[in-house]
């Protein structure tokens, strides 16, 4: 939450708000995860056809490396625990509300 709130622009905020798993997989791995392993690509480029997501993900990961921005990956369980943890305290929840309300 804190990293996203300190983002320099919308794109970086999306990268801090999303995470993927199975990024090195093929089409069958993607189907296993119901194509949710392209979640970050979907947030960054919602109108790009799914058939391009794997290529876009590769380019996005390389671009993040080039500019020193973290592209978050992990296991489905680890990402889920992190997501739930981001709402675990009243302070974290308040940070979410404040940022989406445009600040206080």
C-alpha atoms as a PDB file:
ATOM      1  CA  UNK A   1       0.000   0.000   0.000  1.00  0.00           C
ATOM      2  CA  UNK A   2       2.747   2.439   0.957  1.00  0.00           C
ATOM      3  CA  UNK A   3       4.794   1.751  -2.192  1.00  0.00           C
ATOM      4  CA  UNK A   4       1.729   2.220  -4.383  1.00  0.00           C
ATOM      5  CA  UNK A   5       0.803   5.463  -2.671  1.00  0.00           C
ATOM      6  CA  UNK A   6       4.328   6.804  -3.282  1.00  0.00           C
ATOM      7  CA  UNK A   7       4.289   5.856  -6.980  1.00  0.00           C
ATOM      8  CA  UNK A   8       5.480   8.479  -9.435  1.00  0.00           C
ATOM      9  CA  UNK A   9       2.679   7.840 -11.938  1.00  0.00           C
ATOM     10  CA  UNK A  10      -0.363   5.712 -12.753  1.00  0.00           C
ATOM     11  CA  UNK A  11       1.643   2.953 -14.456  1.00  0.00           C
ATOM     12  CA  UNK A  12       3.962   2.487 -11.515  1.00  0.00           C
ATOM     13  CA  UNK A  13       0.951   2.427  -9.180  1.00  0.00           C
ATOM     14  CA  UNK A  14      -0.563  -0.381 -11.270  1.00  0.00           C
ATOM     15  CA  UNK A  15       2.683  -2.327 -11.023  1.00  0.00           C
ATOM     16  CA  UNK A  16       2.631  -1.933  -7.224  1.00  0.00           C
ATOM     17  CA  UNK A  17      -1.024  -3.009  -7.123  1.00  0.00           C
ATOM     18  CA  UNK A  18      -0.734  -6.158  -9.229  1.00  0.00           C
ATOM     19  CA  UNK A  19       1.187  -9.408  -9.119  1.00  0.00           C
ATOM     20  CA  UNK A  20       1.493 -12.437 -11.396  1.00  0.00           C
ATOM     21  CA  UNK A  21       2.380 -16.090 -11.021  1.00  0.00           C
ATOM     22  CA  UNK A  22       3.462 -18.691 -13.558  1.00  0.00           C
ATOM     23  CA  UNK A  23       5.175 -16.028 -15.665  1.00  0.00           C
ATOM     24  CA  UNK A  24       7.587 -18.463 -17.295  1.00  0.00           C
ATOM     25  CA  UNK A  25       4.869 -20.848 -18.348  1.00  0.00           C
ATOM     26  CA  UNK A  26       3.424 -21.703 -21.718  1.00  0.00           C
ATOM     27  CA  UNK A  27      -0.175 -21.656 -22.957  1.00  0.00           C
ATOM     28  CA  UNK A  28      -1.114 -24.738 -20.927  1.00  0.00           C
ATOM     29  CA  UNK A  29       0.242 -23.214 -17.722  1.00  0.00           C
ATOM     30  CA  UNK A  30      -1.818 -20.112 -18.457  1.00  0.00           C
ATOM     31  CA  UNK A  31      -4.945 -22.202 -18.899  1.00  0.00           C
ATOM     32  CA  UNK A  32      -4.233 -23.981 -15.596  1.00  0.00           C
ATOM     33  CA  UNK A  33      -4.394 -20.598 -13.892  1.00  0.00           C
ATOM     34  CA  UNK A  34      -7.393 -19.492 -15.985  1.00  0.00           C
ATOM     35  CA  UNK A  35      -5.094 -16.866 -17.529  1.00  0.00           C
ATOM     36  CA  UNK A  36      -4.867 -14.966 -14.226  1.00  0.00           C
ATOM     37  CA  UNK A  37      -1.084 -15.066 -14.552  1.00  0.00           C
ATOM     38  CA  UNK A  38      -1.393 -12.008 -16.820  1.00  0.00           C
ATOM     39  CA  UNK A  39      -3.118  -9.885 -14.187  1.00  0.00           C
ATOM     40  CA  UNK A  40      -0.564  -7.056 -14.343  1.00  0.00           C
ATOM     41  CA  UNK A  41      -0.734  -6.919 -18.147  1.00  0.00           C
ATOM     42  CA  UNK A  42      -4.516  -6.741 -17.905  1.00  0.00           C
ATOM     43  CA  UNK A  43      -4.309  -3.796 -15.473  1.00  0.00           C
ATOM     44  CA  UNK A  44      -1.774  -1.933 -17.593  1.00  0.00           C
ATOM     45  CA  UNK A  45      -3.324  -2.669 -21.000  1.00  0.00           C
ATOM     46  CA  UNK A  46      -6.975  -3.709 -20.522  1.00  0.00           C
ATOM     47  CA  UNK A  47      -7.881  -3.508 -24.203  1.00  0.00           C
ATOM     48  CA  UNK A  48      -5.028  -5.635 -25.551  1.00  0.00           C
ATOM     49  CA  UNK A  49      -6.293  -8.948 -26.908  1.00  0.00           C
ATOM     50  CA  UNK A  50      -5.425 -11.929 -24.745  1.00  0.00           C
ATOM     51  CA  UNK A  51      -3.412 -13.575 -27.523  1.00  0.00           C
ATOM     52  CA  UNK A  52      -0.768 -10.848 -27.025  1.00  0.00           C
ATOM     53  CA  UNK A  53      -0.554 -11.004 -23.216  1.00  0.00           C
ATOM     54  CA  UNK A  54       2.453 -13.321 -23.055  1.00  0.00           C
ATOM     55  CA  UNK A  55       4.515 -11.095 -25.372  1.00  0.00           C
ATOM     56  CA  UNK A  56       3.384  -7.929 -23.588  1.00  0.00           C
ATOM     57  CA  UNK A  57       4.273  -9.467 -20.232  1.00  0.00           C
ATOM     58  CA  UNK A  58       7.796 -10.258 -21.427  1.00  0.00           C
ATOM     59  CA  UNK A  59       8.278  -6.691 -22.734  1.00  0.00           C
ATOM     60  CA  UNK A  60       6.811  -5.198 -19.553  1.00  0.00           C
ATOM     61  CA  UNK A  61       9.119  -7.270 -17.343  1.00  0.00           C
ATOM     62  CA  UNK A  62      12.162  -6.189 -19.389  1.00  0.00           C
ATOM     63  CA  UNK A  63      11.069  -2.545 -19.224  1.00  0.00           C
ATOM     64  CA  UNK A  64      10.610  -2.756 -15.448  1.00  0.00           C
ATOM     65  CA  UNK A  65      14.141  -4.145 -15.136  1.00  0.00           C
ATOM     66  CA  UNK A  66      15.468  -1.326 -17.327  1.00  0.00           C
ATOM     67  CA  UNK A  67      13.855   1.386 -15.179  1.00  0.00           C
ATOM     68  CA  UNK A  68      14.347  -0.268 -11.783  1.00  0.00           C
ATOM     69  CA  UNK A  69      10.660  -0.818 -11.086  1.00  0.00           C
ATOM     70  CA  UNK A  70       9.639  -4.074  -9.418  1.00  0.00           C
ATOM     71  CA  UNK A  71       7.480  -6.473 -11.438  1.00  0.00           C
ATOM     72  CA  UNK A  72       5.895  -8.587  -8.751  1.00  0.00           C
ATOM     73  CA  UNK A  73       5.702 -12.327  -9.169  1.00  0.00           C
ATOM     74  CA  UNK A  74       5.158 -15.195  -6.769  1.00  0.00           C
ATOM     75  CA  UNK A  75       3.090 -18.256  -6.071  1.00  0.00           C
ATOM     76  CA  UNK A  76      -0.716 -17.955  -6.055  1.00  0.00           C
ATOM     77  CA  UNK A  77      -0.792 -18.653  -2.299  1.00  0.00           C
ATOM     78  CA  UNK A  78       1.906 -16.081  -1.451  1.00  0.00           C
ATOM     79  CA  UNK A  79       0.181 -13.406  -3.536  1.00  0.00           C
ATOM     80  CA  UNK A  80      -3.183 -14.179  -1.928  1.00  0.00           C
ATOM     81  CA  UNK A  81      -1.712 -13.947   1.588  1.00  0.00           C
ATOM     82  CA  UNK A  82      -0.091 -10.615   0.730  1.00  0.00           C
ATOM     83  CA  UNK A  83      -3.365  -9.267  -0.645  1.00  0.00           C
ATOM     84  CA  UNK A  84      -5.312 -10.288   2.462  1.00  0.00           C
ATOM     85  CA  UNK A  85      -2.524  -8.912   4.658  1.00  0.00           C
ATOM     86  CA  UNK A  86      -2.769  -5.528   2.970  1.00  0.00           C
ATOM     87  CA  UNK A  87      -6.239  -5.160   4.524  1.00  0.00           C
ATOM     88  CA  UNK A  88      -5.337  -6.797   7.840  1.00  0.00           C
ATOM     89  CA  UNK A  89      -5.011  -3.693   9.968  1.00  0.00           C
ATOM     90  CA  UNK A  90      -7.275  -0.674  10.353  1.00  0.00           C
ATOM     91  CA  UNK A  91      -4.337   1.535   9.296  1.00  0.00           C
ATOM     92  CA  UNK A  92      -3.828  -0.374   6.034  1.00  0.00           C
ATOM     93  CA  UNK A  93      -7.543  -0.257   5.306  1.00  0.00           C
ATOM     94  CA  UNK A  94      -7.627   3.484   6.010  1.00  0.00           C
ATOM     95  CA  UNK A  95      -4.710   4.001   3.595  1.00  0.00           C
ATOM     96  CA  UNK A  96      -6.718   2.216   0.891  1.00  0.00           C
ATOM     97  CA  UNK A  97      -9.788   4.341   1.543  1.00  0.00           C
ATOM     98  CA  UNK A  98      -7.822   7.594   1.586  1.00  0.00           C
ATOM     99  CA  UNK A  99      -5.976   6.937  -1.662  1.00  0.00           C
ATOM    100  CA  UNK A 100      -9.113   5.936  -3.540  1.00  0.00           C
ATOM    101  CA  UNK A 101     -11.045   8.889  -2.118  1.00  0.00           C
ATOM    102  CA  UNK A 102      -8.410  11.275  -3.462  1.00  0.00           C
ATOM    103  CA  UNK A 103      -6.825  12.068  -0.114  1.00  0.00           C
ATOM    104  CA  UNK A 104      -8.171  13.816   2.951  1.00  0.00           C
END
